[in-house]
Amino acid sequence: MEEWIRYRGKNYTFREINEIREILIAYRDRSRRFISQEICRRWGWRQPNGVLKDMICRGLLLQL
């Protein structure tokens, strides 16, 4: 699949970007923090101590 965007050394495919769009549509009335945490939960983005990588996800959302 063709790359769509590169952020912090990772290439994000159209499928991943489309999944983000679906989450944004499903939770359009929720906060940016909730949305970024939901993406982290679905993608398994956690720091070694178990905390969600929320700020990295928010940076990705801003990049889009």
N, C-alpha and C. Protein backbone atom coordinates (compact mmCIF):
# COMPACT_ATOMS: atom_id res chain seq x y z
N MET A 1 0.84 -1.18 0.00
CA MET A 1 0.00 0.00 0.00
C MET A 1 0.89 1.25 0.00
N GLU A 2 0.45 2.27 -0.64
CA GLU A 2 1.21 3.51 -0.76
C GLU A 2 1.23 4.29 0.56
N GLU A 3 2.38 4.88 0.88
CA GLU A 3 2.48 5.71 2.08
C GLU A 3 1.65 6.97 1.89
N TRP A 4 1.06 7.42 2.97
CA TRP A 4 0.28 8.65 2.91
C TRP A 4 0.95 9.75 3.69
N ILE A 5 1.49 9.42 4.84
CA ILE A 5 2.16 10.42 5.68
C ILE A 5 3.23 9.72 6.52
N ARG A 6 4.28 10.46 6.82
CA ARG A 6 5.34 9.96 7.70
C ARG A 6 5.41 10.88 8.90
N TYR A 7 5.36 10.30 10.10
CA TYR A 7 5.40 11.08 11.33
C TYR A 7 6.27 10.35 12.34
N ARG A 8 7.26 11.05 12.88
CA ARG A 8 8.18 10.52 13.89
C ARG A 8 8.79 9.18 13.47
N GLY A 9 9.17 9.10 12.20
CA GLY A 9 9.86 7.92 11.70
C GLY A 9 8.97 6.75 11.31
N LYS A 10 7.66 6.88 11.42
CA LYS A 10 6.75 5.80 11.04
C LYS A 10 5.92 6.23 9.84
N ASN A 11 5.74 5.30 8.91
CA ASN A 11 4.91 5.54 7.75
C ASN A 11 3.48 5.09 8.04
N TYR A 12 2.52 5.95 7.77
CA TYR A 12 1.11 5.64 8.00
C TYR A 12 0.43 5.44 6.66
N THR A 13 -0.24 4.31 6.52
CA THR A 13 -0.89 3.95 5.26
C THR A 13 -2.28 4.57 5.16
N PHE A 14 -2.84 4.48 3.97
CA PHE A 14 -4.19 4.98 3.75
C PHE A 14 -5.17 4.28 4.69
N ARG A 15 -4.99 2.99 4.92
CA ARG A 15 -5.88 2.24 5.81
C ARG A 15 -5.85 2.81 7.22
N GLU A 16 -4.67 3.12 7.72
CA GLU A 16 -4.55 3.69 9.07
C GLU A 16 -5.16 5.09 9.15
N ILE A 17 -4.92 5.89 8.13
CA ILE A 17 -5.50 7.23 8.09
C ILE A 17 -7.02 7.14 8.01
N ASN A 18 -7.52 6.19 7.24
CA ASN A 18 -8.96 5.99 7.13
C ASN A 18 -9.55 5.56 8.48
N GLU A 19 -8.84 4.73 9.23
CA GLU A 19 -9.30 4.32 10.56
C GLU A 19 -9.40 5.53 11.49
N ILE A 20 -8.43 6.44 11.40
CA ILE A 20 -8.49 7.67 12.19
C ILE A 20 -9.72 8.47 11.81
N ARG A 21 -9.99 8.59 10.52
CA ARG A 21 -11.19 9.32 10.06
C ARG A 21 -12.46 8.72 10.64
N GLU A 22 -12.54 7.39 10.63
CA GLU A 22 -13.73 6.72 11.17
C GLU A 22 -13.90 7.02 12.66
N ILE A 23 -12.80 7.03 13.40
CA ILE A 23 -12.86 7.34 14.83
C ILE A 23 -13.30 8.79 15.03
N LEU A 24 -12.77 9.70 14.21
CA LEU A 24 -13.16 11.11 14.31
C LEU A 24 -14.66 11.29 14.05
N ILE A 25 -15.17 10.57 13.07
CA ILE A 25 -16.60 10.66 12.76
C ILE A 25 -17.43 10.08 13.90
N ALA A 26 -17.01 8.93 14.41
CA ALA A 26 -17.78 8.26 15.46
C ALA A 26 -17.81 9.07 16.76
N TYR A 27 -16.74 9.81 17.03
CA TYR A 27 -16.63 10.54 18.29
C TYR A 27 -16.49 12.05 18.07
N ARG A 28 -17.14 12.57 17.05
CA ARG A 28 -16.99 14.00 16.70
C ARG A 28 -17.41 14.94 17.81
N ASP A 29 -18.25 14.48 18.72
CA ASP A 29 -18.70 15.34 19.82
C ASP A 29 -17.82 15.21 21.07
N ARG A 30 -16.77 14.41 20.99
CA ARG A 30 -15.87 14.20 22.14
C ARG A 30 -14.64 15.09 22.02
N SER A 31 -13.87 15.17 23.08
CA SER A 31 -12.68 16.03 23.10
C SER A 31 -11.53 15.40 22.29
N ARG A 32 -10.57 16.25 21.94
CA ARG A 32 -9.38 15.76 21.23
C ARG A 32 -8.62 14.76 22.10
N ARG A 33 -8.61 15.00 23.39
CA ARG A 33 -7.92 14.08 24.30
C ARG A 33 -8.58 12.70 24.27
N PHE A 34 -9.91 12.67 24.34
CA PHE A 34 -10.61 11.38 24.29
C PHE A 34 -10.31 10.66 22.98
N ILE A 35 -10.35 11.40 21.87
CA ILE A 35 -10.13 10.80 20.56
C ILE A 35 -8.71 10.24 20.46
N SER A 36 -7.72 11.00 20.90
CA SER A 36 -6.34 10.50 20.83
C SER A 36 -6.15 9.29 21.73
N GLN A 37 -6.78 9.28 22.89
CA GLN A 37 -6.68 8.12 23.77
C GLN A 37 -7.37 6.90 23.16
N GLU A 38 -8.47 7.10 22.47
CA GLU A 38 -9.17 5.99 21.80
C GLU A 38 -8.29 5.40 20.71
N ILE A 39 -7.63 6.25 19.94
CA ILE A 39 -6.72 5.75 18.90
C ILE A 39 -5.59 4.96 19.56
N CYS A 40 -5.01 5.47 20.63
CA CYS A 40 -3.94 4.77 21.34
C CYS A 40 -4.41 3.40 21.83
N ARG A 41 -5.61 3.34 22.38
CA ARG A 41 -6.13 2.06 22.87
C ARG A 41 -6.30 1.07 21.72
N ARG A 42 -6.86 1.51 20.62
CA ARG A 42 -7.09 0.61 19.48
C ARG A 42 -5.80 0.13 18.85
N TRP A 43 -4.80 0.99 18.79
CA TRP A 43 -3.54 0.65 18.15
C TRP A 43 -2.50 0.09 19.12
N GLY A 44 -2.84 0.03 20.40
CA GLY A 44 -1.91 -0.51 21.39
C GLY A 44 -0.70 0.38 21.64
N TRP A 45 -0.89 1.68 21.52
CA TRP A 45 0.20 2.64 21.74
C TRP A 45 0.33 2.92 23.23
N ARG A 46 1.32 2.30 23.85
CA ARG A 46 1.57 2.49 25.27
C ARG A 46 3.06 2.65 25.51
N GLN A 47 3.38 3.42 26.51
CA GLN A 47 4.76 3.57 26.95
C GLN A 47 5.14 2.32 27.74
N PRO A 48 6.43 2.11 27.99
CA PRO A 48 6.85 0.95 28.78
C PRO A 48 6.16 0.86 30.14
N ASN A 49 5.76 2.01 30.72
CA ASN A 49 5.10 1.98 32.03
C ASN A 49 3.59 1.77 31.91
N GLY A 50 3.08 1.56 30.69
CA GLY A 50 1.67 1.27 30.49
C GLY A 50 0.79 2.47 30.18
N VAL A 51 1.34 3.68 30.29
CA VAL A 51 0.58 4.90 30.02
C VAL A 51 0.40 5.07 28.51
N LEU A 52 -0.78 5.53 28.09
CA LEU A 52 -1.04 5.74 26.67
C LEU A 52 -0.11 6.81 26.10
N LYS A 53 0.30 6.65 24.85
CA LYS A 53 1.15 7.63 24.16
C LYS A 53 0.27 8.73 23.56
N ASP A 54 -0.47 9.36 24.42
CA ASP A 54 -1.48 10.35 24.04
C ASP A 54 -0.90 11.55 23.30
N MET A 55 0.19 12.11 23.78
CA MET A 55 0.75 13.31 23.17
C MET A 55 1.33 13.03 21.78
N ILE A 56 1.91 11.87 21.59
CA ILE A 56 2.41 11.50 20.27
C ILE A 56 1.24 11.37 19.30
N CYS A 57 0.17 10.79 19.75
CA CYS A 57 -1.02 10.64 18.92
C CYS A 57 -1.61 12.01 18.58
N ARG A 58 -1.65 12.91 19.53
CA ARG A 58 -2.17 14.26 19.26
C ARG A 58 -1.31 14.97 18.22
N GLY A 59 -0.01 14.77 18.30
CA GLY A 59 0.89 15.35 17.31
C GLY A 59 0.61 14.81 15.91
N LEU A 60 0.33 13.51 15.82
CA LEU A 60 -0.04 12.91 14.54
C LEU A 60 -1.32 13.54 14.01
N LEU A 61 -2.31 13.70 14.88
CA LEU A 61 -3.58 14.29 14.46
C LEU A 61 -3.38 15.72 13.96
N LEU A 62 -2.51 16.47 14.60
CA LEU A 62 -2.22 17.84 14.14
C LEU A 62 -1.53 17.82 12.78
N GLN A 63 -0.67 16.83 12.56
CA GLN A 63 0.05 16.71 11.29
C GLN A 63 -0.90 16.43 10.13
N LEU A 64 -2.00 15.75 10.42
CA LEU A 64 -2.96 15.43 9.37
C LEU A 64 -3.67 16.68 8.92
